[in-house]
């Protein structure tokens, strides 16, 4: 066996026999349901590898799922865009997470200044990891925050 993963190793972890037409990654998944794969010293999420193998120039682009299945690597179910395109797609499909309680300014300040990982912050404040990341980076929607009492 080769010291490095190959394209054949990659495709051996893909199940193309699904009713939905999704080609599902059967390898290890992250907490968010996405797979990653290392080939020749380069780690990449599996849906990004799929677009690269299909001949798309992915540098500087986000690979988005039309099917909203994070395990899917079928290039026909994927499209290239920006993070803004991905967020627009998410909102158009109403698959974003809304919170019953809004964050306070103190909550936001804690998230911004905390050294905690975004996964832990998401659990603490019942928000998505992505939203916690956007708050930390300073580009989240402040309209979702409530004033402190």
N, C-alpha and C. Protein backbone atom coordinates (compact mmCIF):
# COMPACT_ATOMS: atom_id res chain seq x y z
N UNK A 1 0.85 -1.19 0.00
CA UNK A 1 0.00 0.00 0.00
C UNK A 1 0.88 1.24 0.00
N UNK A 2 0.47 2.24 -0.73
CA UNK A 2 1.21 3.49 -0.83
C UNK A 2 1.23 4.22 0.52
N UNK A 3 2.28 4.98 0.72
CA UNK A 3 2.38 5.78 1.94
C UNK A 3 1.33 6.89 1.96
N UNK A 4 0.89 7.30 0.80
CA UNK A 4 -0.08 8.40 0.70
C UNK A 4 -1.41 7.91 0.15
N UNK A 5 -2.46 8.64 0.50
CA UNK A 5 -3.77 8.35 -0.07
C UNK A 5 -3.75 8.67 -1.56
N UNK A 6 -4.60 7.99 -2.29
CA UNK A 6 -4.72 8.19 -3.73
C UNK A 6 -6.17 8.49 -4.07
N UNK A 7 -6.40 8.84 -5.31
CA UNK A 7 -7.77 9.06 -5.77
C UNK A 7 -8.59 7.79 -5.58
N UNK A 8 -7.98 6.63 -5.81
CA UNK A 8 -8.69 5.37 -5.61
C UNK A 8 -9.09 5.19 -4.14
N UNK A 9 -8.19 5.58 -3.20
CA UNK A 9 -8.53 5.52 -1.78
C UNK A 9 -9.74 6.41 -1.47
N UNK A 10 -9.76 7.57 -2.10
CA UNK A 10 -10.86 8.52 -1.91
C UNK A 10 -12.18 7.89 -2.37
N UNK A 11 -12.21 7.43 -3.64
CA UNK A 11 -13.46 6.91 -4.19
C UNK A 11 -13.91 5.62 -3.51
N UNK A 12 -13.01 4.91 -2.87
CA UNK A 12 -13.39 3.71 -2.13
C UNK A 12 -14.25 4.06 -0.91
N UNK A 13 -14.23 5.32 -0.50
CA UNK A 13 -15.02 5.76 0.66
C UNK A 13 -16.28 6.51 0.25
N UNK A 14 -16.67 6.38 -1.01
CA UNK A 14 -17.86 7.07 -1.52
C UNK A 14 -18.91 6.04 -1.92
N UNK A 15 -20.12 6.20 -1.39
CA UNK A 15 -21.26 5.35 -1.74
C UNK A 15 -22.12 6.10 -2.76
N UNK A 16 -22.11 5.62 -4.00
CA UNK A 16 -22.89 6.27 -5.06
C UNK A 16 -24.29 5.67 -5.18
N UNK A 17 -24.60 4.63 -4.43
CA UNK A 17 -25.88 3.92 -4.54
C UNK A 17 -26.88 4.44 -3.52
N UNK A 18 -27.31 5.69 -3.68
CA UNK A 18 -28.32 6.25 -2.77
C UNK A 18 -29.56 6.64 -3.58
N UNK A 19 -30.70 6.59 -2.95
CA UNK A 19 -31.95 6.94 -3.63
C UNK A 19 -32.00 8.42 -4.02
N UNK A 20 -31.31 9.26 -3.26
CA UNK A 20 -31.34 10.70 -3.50
C UNK A 20 -30.43 11.15 -4.64
N UNK A 21 -29.54 10.26 -5.09
CA UNK A 21 -28.55 10.63 -6.09
C UNK A 21 -27.30 11.23 -5.47
N UNK A 22 -27.31 11.40 -4.15
CA UNK A 22 -26.12 11.88 -3.45
C UNK A 22 -25.07 10.79 -3.48
N UNK A 23 -23.83 11.18 -3.61
CA UNK A 23 -22.71 10.28 -3.45
C UNK A 23 -22.18 10.54 -2.06
N UNK A 24 -22.47 9.64 -1.12
CA UNK A 24 -22.19 9.92 0.28
C UNK A 24 -20.83 9.40 0.73
N UNK A 25 -20.12 10.26 1.43
CA UNK A 25 -18.84 9.93 2.03
C UNK A 25 -19.08 8.96 3.17
N UNK A 26 -18.36 7.84 3.16
CA UNK A 26 -18.53 6.83 4.21
C UNK A 26 -17.37 6.84 5.19
N UNK A 27 -16.41 7.72 4.98
CA UNK A 27 -15.28 7.85 5.91
C UNK A 27 -15.67 8.68 7.12
N UNK A 28 -14.68 9.00 7.90
CA UNK A 28 -14.88 9.76 9.13
C UNK A 28 -15.47 11.14 8.83
N UNK A 29 -16.38 11.59 9.72
CA UNK A 29 -17.04 12.88 9.57
C UNK A 29 -16.74 13.79 10.75
N UNK A 30 -16.76 15.09 10.49
CA UNK A 30 -16.63 16.07 11.57
C UNK A 30 -17.96 16.17 12.32
N UNK A 31 -17.98 16.95 13.38
CA UNK A 31 -19.22 17.16 14.15
C UNK A 31 -20.30 17.80 13.29
N UNK A 32 -19.89 18.55 12.26
CA UNK A 32 -20.84 19.20 11.36
C UNK A 32 -21.28 18.30 10.21
N UNK A 33 -20.74 17.07 10.16
CA UNK A 33 -21.15 16.11 9.15
C UNK A 33 -20.34 16.11 7.87
N UNK A 34 -19.25 16.87 7.83
CA UNK A 34 -18.40 16.94 6.64
C UNK A 34 -17.20 16.01 6.80
N UNK A 35 -16.80 15.39 5.71
CA UNK A 35 -15.62 14.54 5.71
C UNK A 35 -14.41 15.32 5.24
N UNK A 36 -13.23 14.83 5.61
CA UNK A 36 -12.00 15.42 5.07
C UNK A 36 -11.08 14.28 4.66
N UNK A 37 -10.15 14.60 3.80
CA UNK A 37 -9.28 13.59 3.22
C UNK A 37 -7.92 14.21 2.96
N UNK A 38 -6.87 13.46 3.26
CA UNK A 38 -5.51 13.94 3.04
C UNK A 38 -4.87 13.18 1.90
N UNK A 39 -4.39 13.94 0.93
CA UNK A 39 -3.69 13.34 -0.19
C UNK A 39 -2.42 14.14 -0.46
N UNK A 40 -1.27 13.46 -0.48
CA UNK A 40 0.01 14.11 -0.74
C UNK A 40 0.19 15.36 0.13
N UNK A 41 0.01 15.21 1.42
CA UNK A 41 0.23 16.26 2.43
C UNK A 41 -0.84 17.35 2.43
N UNK A 42 -1.90 17.21 1.68
CA UNK A 42 -2.91 18.26 1.62
C UNK A 42 -4.25 17.76 2.16
N UNK A 43 -4.69 18.35 3.28
CA UNK A 43 -6.01 18.05 3.85
C UNK A 43 -7.03 18.95 3.17
N UNK A 44 -8.17 18.38 2.85
CA UNK A 44 -9.24 19.16 2.25
C UNK A 44 -10.57 18.47 2.56
N UNK A 45 -11.63 19.26 2.68
CA UNK A 45 -12.94 18.65 2.85
C UNK A 45 -13.27 17.87 1.59
N UNK A 46 -13.97 16.75 1.77
CA UNK A 46 -14.18 15.81 0.67
C UNK A 46 -15.02 16.40 -0.47
N UNK A 47 -15.96 17.28 -0.17
CA UNK A 47 -16.74 17.87 -1.25
C UNK A 47 -15.87 18.81 -2.09
N UNK A 48 -14.86 19.41 -1.48
CA UNK A 48 -13.91 20.25 -2.23
C UNK A 48 -13.04 19.37 -3.14
N UNK A 49 -12.58 18.21 -2.60
CA UNK A 49 -11.81 17.28 -3.43
C UNK A 49 -12.64 16.87 -4.65
N UNK A 50 -13.91 16.58 -4.44
CA UNK A 50 -14.76 16.11 -5.53
C UNK A 50 -14.82 17.14 -6.66
N UNK A 51 -14.97 18.41 -6.31
CA UNK A 51 -15.01 19.45 -7.33
C UNK A 51 -13.65 19.59 -8.02
N UNK A 52 -12.59 19.44 -7.25
CA UNK A 52 -11.25 19.50 -7.84
C UNK A 52 -11.05 18.35 -8.82
N UNK A 53 -11.45 17.13 -8.42
CA UNK A 53 -11.34 15.98 -9.31
C UNK A 53 -12.19 16.15 -10.57
N UNK A 54 -13.30 16.88 -10.45
CA UNK A 54 -14.18 17.10 -11.60
C UNK A 54 -13.65 18.19 -12.53
N UNK A 55 -12.49 18.77 -12.18
CA UNK A 55 -11.86 19.74 -13.06
C UNK A 55 -12.17 21.20 -12.78
N UNK A 56 -12.79 21.47 -11.65
CA UNK A 56 -13.12 22.86 -11.31
C UNK A 56 -11.97 23.54 -10.57
N UNK A 57 -11.78 24.82 -10.85
CA UNK A 57 -10.79 25.62 -10.13
C UNK A 57 -11.44 26.10 -8.84
N UNK A 58 -11.04 25.53 -7.71
CA UNK A 58 -11.73 25.82 -6.45
C UNK A 58 -11.01 26.85 -5.58
N UNK A 59 -9.80 27.23 -5.94
CA UNK A 59 -9.03 28.16 -5.11
C UNK A 59 -9.81 29.46 -4.89
N UNK A 60 -9.92 29.85 -3.63
CA UNK A 60 -10.62 31.08 -3.28
C UNK A 60 -12.13 30.99 -3.36
N UNK A 61 -12.66 29.82 -3.60
CA UNK A 61 -14.11 29.63 -3.73
C UNK A 61 -14.63 28.75 -2.60
N UNK A 62 -15.90 28.86 -2.35
CA UNK A 62 -16.61 27.99 -1.42
C UNK A 62 -17.34 26.95 -2.26
N UNK A 63 -17.28 25.70 -1.84
CA UNK A 63 -18.03 24.64 -2.51
C UNK A 63 -19.32 24.44 -1.71
N UNK A 64 -20.44 24.73 -2.35
CA UNK A 64 -21.75 24.70 -1.70
C UNK A 64 -22.53 23.46 -2.15
N UNK A 65 -23.46 23.03 -1.31
CA UNK A 65 -24.30 21.86 -1.59
C UNK A 65 -25.70 22.29 -2.03
N UNK A 66 -26.11 21.91 -3.24
CA UNK A 66 -27.49 22.12 -3.67
C UNK A 66 -28.42 21.22 -2.85
N UNK A 67 -27.92 20.04 -2.51
CA UNK A 67 -28.73 19.02 -1.84
C UNK A 67 -28.75 19.17 -0.32
N UNK A 68 -27.95 20.06 0.22
CA UNK A 68 -27.87 20.29 1.68
C UNK A 68 -27.47 19.05 2.46
N UNK A 69 -26.76 18.14 1.82
CA UNK A 69 -26.28 16.93 2.48
C UNK A 69 -24.77 17.07 2.62
N UNK A 70 -24.26 17.35 3.83
CA UNK A 70 -22.82 17.57 3.98
C UNK A 70 -21.96 16.36 3.64
N UNK A 71 -22.55 15.16 3.59
CA UNK A 71 -21.80 13.96 3.22
C UNK A 71 -21.70 13.79 1.70
N UNK A 72 -22.45 14.57 0.95
CA UNK A 72 -22.53 14.39 -0.50
C UNK A 72 -21.30 14.97 -1.20
N UNK A 73 -20.75 14.17 -2.14
CA UNK A 73 -19.61 14.60 -2.94
C UNK A 73 -19.93 14.53 -4.45
N UNK A 74 -21.19 14.39 -4.79
CA UNK A 74 -21.60 14.34 -6.19
C UNK A 74 -21.42 15.73 -6.80
N UNK A 75 -20.53 15.90 -7.78
CA UNK A 75 -20.32 17.24 -8.34
C UNK A 75 -21.58 17.86 -8.93
N UNK A 76 -22.55 17.04 -9.36
CA UNK A 76 -23.81 17.57 -9.86
C UNK A 76 -24.67 18.17 -8.74
N UNK A 77 -24.35 17.85 -7.50
CA UNK A 77 -25.08 18.39 -6.35
C UNK A 77 -24.34 19.55 -5.69
N UNK A 78 -23.19 19.93 -6.28
CA UNK A 78 -22.34 20.97 -5.70
C UNK A 78 -22.24 22.16 -6.65
N UNK A 79 -21.95 23.34 -6.09
CA UNK A 79 -21.68 24.50 -6.93
C UNK A 79 -20.66 25.38 -6.25
N UNK A 80 -19.93 26.13 -7.06
CA UNK A 80 -18.92 27.05 -6.55
C UNK A 80 -19.52 28.42 -6.34
N UNK A 81 -19.08 29.08 -5.29
CA UNK A 81 -19.55 30.43 -5.02
C UNK A 81 -18.69 31.08 -3.96
N UNK A 82 -19.22 32.15 -3.42
CA UNK A 82 -18.57 32.86 -2.32
C UNK A 82 -19.28 32.46 -1.03
N UNK A 83 -18.72 32.88 0.09
CA UNK A 83 -19.40 32.64 1.36
C UNK A 83 -20.76 33.34 1.37
N UNK A 84 -20.82 34.53 0.75
CA UNK A 84 -22.10 35.25 0.66
C UNK A 84 -23.11 34.44 -0.14
N UNK A 85 -22.67 33.81 -1.23
CA UNK A 85 -23.57 32.94 -2.02
C UNK A 85 -24.08 31.78 -1.17
N UNK A 86 -23.20 31.19 -0.36
CA UNK A 86 -23.58 30.06 0.49
C UNK A 86 -24.61 30.50 1.52
N UNK A 87 -24.41 31.67 2.11
CA UNK A 87 -25.35 32.18 3.10
C UNK A 87 -26.70 32.51 2.44
N UNK A 88 -26.65 33.11 1.25
CA UNK A 88 -27.88 33.42 0.51
C UNK A 88 -28.65 32.13 0.21
N UNK A 89 -27.94 31.09 -0.22
CA UNK A 89 -28.55 29.79 -0.49
C UNK A 89 -29.19 29.22 0.77
N UNK A 90 -28.47 29.32 1.90
CA UNK A 90 -28.98 28.83 3.18
C UNK A 90 -30.28 29.54 3.56
N UNK A 91 -30.29 30.87 3.41
CA UNK A 91 -31.50 31.63 3.77
C UNK A 91 -32.65 31.34 2.81
N UNK A 92 -32.36 31.18 1.52
CA UNK A 92 -33.43 30.92 0.56
C UNK A 92 -34.11 29.58 0.84
N UNK A 93 -33.35 28.64 1.43
CA UNK A 93 -33.90 27.32 1.75
C UNK A 93 -34.39 27.23 3.19
N UNK A 94 -34.28 28.33 3.91
CA UNK A 94 -34.71 28.39 5.31
C UNK A 94 -34.09 27.28 6.14
N UNK A 95 -32.79 27.04 5.95
CA UNK A 95 -32.12 26.00 6.73
C UNK A 95 -31.16 26.59 7.74
N UNK A 96 -31.31 27.88 8.01
CA UNK A 96 -30.49 28.50 9.04
C UNK A 96 -31.16 28.28 10.39
N UNK A 97 -30.38 28.39 11.41
CA UNK A 97 -30.87 28.16 12.75
C UNK A 97 -31.28 29.49 13.37
N UNK A 98 -32.50 29.54 13.86
CA UNK A 98 -32.92 30.73 14.60
C UNK A 98 -32.98 30.35 16.07
N UNK A 99 -32.79 31.32 16.90
CA UNK A 99 -32.75 31.06 18.33
C UNK A 99 -33.99 31.60 19.01
N UNK A 100 -34.52 30.85 19.96
CA UNK A 100 -35.65 31.32 20.73
C UNK A 100 -35.23 32.51 21.59
N UNK A 101 -34.01 32.52 22.04
CA UNK A 101 -33.50 33.64 22.83
C UNK A 101 -32.41 34.33 22.04
N UNK A 102 -32.42 35.64 22.08
CA UNK A 102 -31.39 36.40 21.39
C UNK A 102 -30.20 36.59 22.31
N UNK A 103 -29.06 36.79 21.71
CA UNK A 103 -27.85 37.04 22.48
C UNK A 103 -27.86 38.46 23.03
N UNK A 104 -27.32 38.62 24.21
CA UNK A 104 -27.16 39.96 24.77
C UNK A 104 -25.83 40.52 24.29
N UNK A 105 -25.63 41.82 24.47
CA UNK A 105 -24.35 42.44 24.12
C UNK A 105 -23.22 41.79 24.94
N UNK A 106 -23.50 41.47 26.20
CA UNK A 106 -22.50 40.80 27.03
C UNK A 106 -22.13 39.43 26.46
N UNK A 107 -23.16 38.69 25.97
CA UNK A 107 -22.90 37.40 25.34
C UNK A 107 -21.97 37.56 24.13
N UNK A 108 -22.29 38.55 23.30
CA UNK A 108 -21.50 38.80 22.10
C UNK A 108 -20.08 39.20 22.47
N UNK A 109 -19.94 40.06 23.46
CA UNK A 109 -18.61 40.47 23.92
C UNK A 109 -17.82 39.26 24.42
N UNK A 110 -18.49 38.37 25.14
CA UNK A 110 -17.82 37.16 25.63
C UNK A 110 -17.35 36.30 24.45
N UNK A 111 -18.22 36.12 23.47
CA UNK A 111 -17.87 35.30 22.30
C UNK A 111 -16.68 35.91 21.56
N UNK A 112 -16.70 37.24 21.40
CA UNK A 112 -15.62 37.92 20.67
C UNK A 112 -14.27 37.81 21.37
N UNK A 113 -14.29 37.87 22.69
CA UNK A 113 -13.02 37.93 23.43
C UNK A 113 -12.59 36.59 24.02
N UNK A 114 -13.47 35.64 24.03
CA UNK A 114 -13.16 34.34 24.62
C UNK A 114 -12.13 33.59 23.78
N UNK A 115 -11.32 32.84 24.44
CA UNK A 115 -10.39 31.94 23.75
C UNK A 115 -11.01 30.58 23.48
N UNK A 116 -12.30 30.44 23.80
CA UNK A 116 -12.98 29.16 23.62
C UNK A 116 -13.10 28.83 22.13
N UNK A 117 -13.09 27.54 21.77
CA UNK A 117 -13.36 27.16 20.38
C UNK A 117 -14.82 27.46 20.03
N UNK A 118 -15.07 27.74 18.76
CA UNK A 118 -16.43 28.11 18.35
C UNK A 118 -17.43 26.98 18.57
N UNK A 119 -16.98 25.73 18.55
CA UNK A 119 -17.91 24.63 18.81
C UNK A 119 -18.43 24.71 20.25
N UNK A 120 -17.55 25.02 21.18
CA UNK A 120 -17.95 25.14 22.59
C UNK A 120 -18.84 26.38 22.80
N UNK A 121 -18.51 27.48 22.11
CA UNK A 121 -19.33 28.69 22.22
C UNK A 121 -20.73 28.45 21.66
N UNK A 122 -20.80 27.72 20.54
CA UNK A 122 -22.10 27.42 19.95
C UNK A 122 -22.98 26.65 20.91
N UNK A 123 -22.40 25.66 21.59
CA UNK A 123 -23.17 24.87 22.56
C UNK A 123 -23.59 25.72 23.75
N UNK A 124 -22.67 26.55 24.25
CA UNK A 124 -22.97 27.38 25.42
C UNK A 124 -24.13 28.34 25.16
N UNK A 125 -24.15 28.94 23.95
CA UNK A 125 -25.15 29.97 23.66
C UNK A 125 -26.27 29.48 22.75
N UNK A 126 -26.29 28.17 22.46
CA UNK A 126 -27.31 27.57 21.59
C UNK A 126 -27.37 28.28 20.24
N UNK A 127 -26.20 28.45 19.64
CA UNK A 127 -26.09 29.03 18.31
C UNK A 127 -25.22 28.09 17.47
N UNK A 128 -25.25 28.28 16.18
CA UNK A 128 -24.43 27.43 15.32
C UNK A 128 -22.96 27.78 15.46
N UNK A 129 -22.13 26.82 15.15
CA UNK A 129 -20.68 27.04 15.15
C UNK A 129 -20.33 28.15 14.16
N UNK A 130 -20.99 28.14 13.01
CA UNK A 130 -20.73 29.16 11.99
C UNK A 130 -21.09 30.55 12.50
N UNK A 131 -22.22 30.66 13.18
CA UNK A 131 -22.63 31.97 13.70
C UNK A 131 -21.66 32.43 14.78
N UNK A 132 -21.20 31.52 15.63
CA UNK A 132 -20.21 31.88 16.65
C UNK A 132 -18.93 32.38 15.98
N UNK A 133 -18.52 31.72 14.90
CA UNK A 133 -17.33 32.13 14.17
C UNK A 133 -17.50 33.53 13.60
N UNK A 134 -18.68 33.80 13.02
CA UNK A 134 -18.94 35.13 12.44
C UNK A 134 -18.94 36.21 13.52
N UNK A 135 -19.47 35.90 14.69
CA UNK A 135 -19.43 36.87 15.79
C UNK A 135 -17.98 37.15 16.18
N UNK A 136 -17.18 36.09 16.32
CA UNK A 136 -15.76 36.27 16.67
C UNK A 136 -15.03 37.13 15.64
N UNK A 137 -15.37 36.98 14.37
CA UNK A 137 -14.72 37.73 13.30
C UNK A 137 -15.31 39.14 13.14
N UNK A 138 -16.43 39.41 13.83
CA UNK A 138 -17.02 40.75 13.79
C UNK A 138 -17.92 41.01 12.60
N UNK A 139 -18.41 39.96 11.94
CA UNK A 139 -19.28 40.20 10.78
C UNK A 139 -20.64 39.52 10.92
N UNK A 140 -21.13 39.39 12.14
CA UNK A 140 -22.45 38.79 12.37
C UNK A 140 -23.50 39.89 12.42
N UNK A 141 -24.74 39.51 12.25
CA UNK A 141 -25.86 40.45 12.21
C UNK A 141 -26.22 40.91 13.63
N UNK A 142 -25.93 42.18 13.97
CA UNK A 142 -26.24 42.64 15.32
C UNK A 142 -27.74 42.76 15.58
N UNK A 143 -28.57 42.67 14.55
CA UNK A 143 -30.02 42.73 14.74
C UNK A 143 -30.55 41.53 15.53
N UNK A 144 -29.74 40.49 15.66
CA UNK A 144 -30.17 39.31 16.43
C UNK A 144 -29.81 39.43 17.90
N UNK A 145 -29.16 40.52 18.30
CA UNK A 145 -28.75 40.68 19.68
C UNK A 145 -29.73 41.56 20.41
N UNK A 146 -29.98 41.27 21.66
CA UNK A 146 -30.90 42.11 22.44
C UNK A 146 -30.08 42.96 23.42
N UNK A 147 -30.65 44.02 23.83
CA UNK A 147 -29.99 44.89 24.80
C UNK A 147 -29.97 44.20 26.15
N UNK A 148 -28.91 44.46 26.92
CA UNK A 148 -28.84 43.92 28.28
C UNK A 148 -29.88 44.62 29.15
N UNK A 149 -30.39 43.89 30.10
CA UNK A 149 -31.38 44.49 31.02
C UNK A 149 -30.68 45.32 32.07
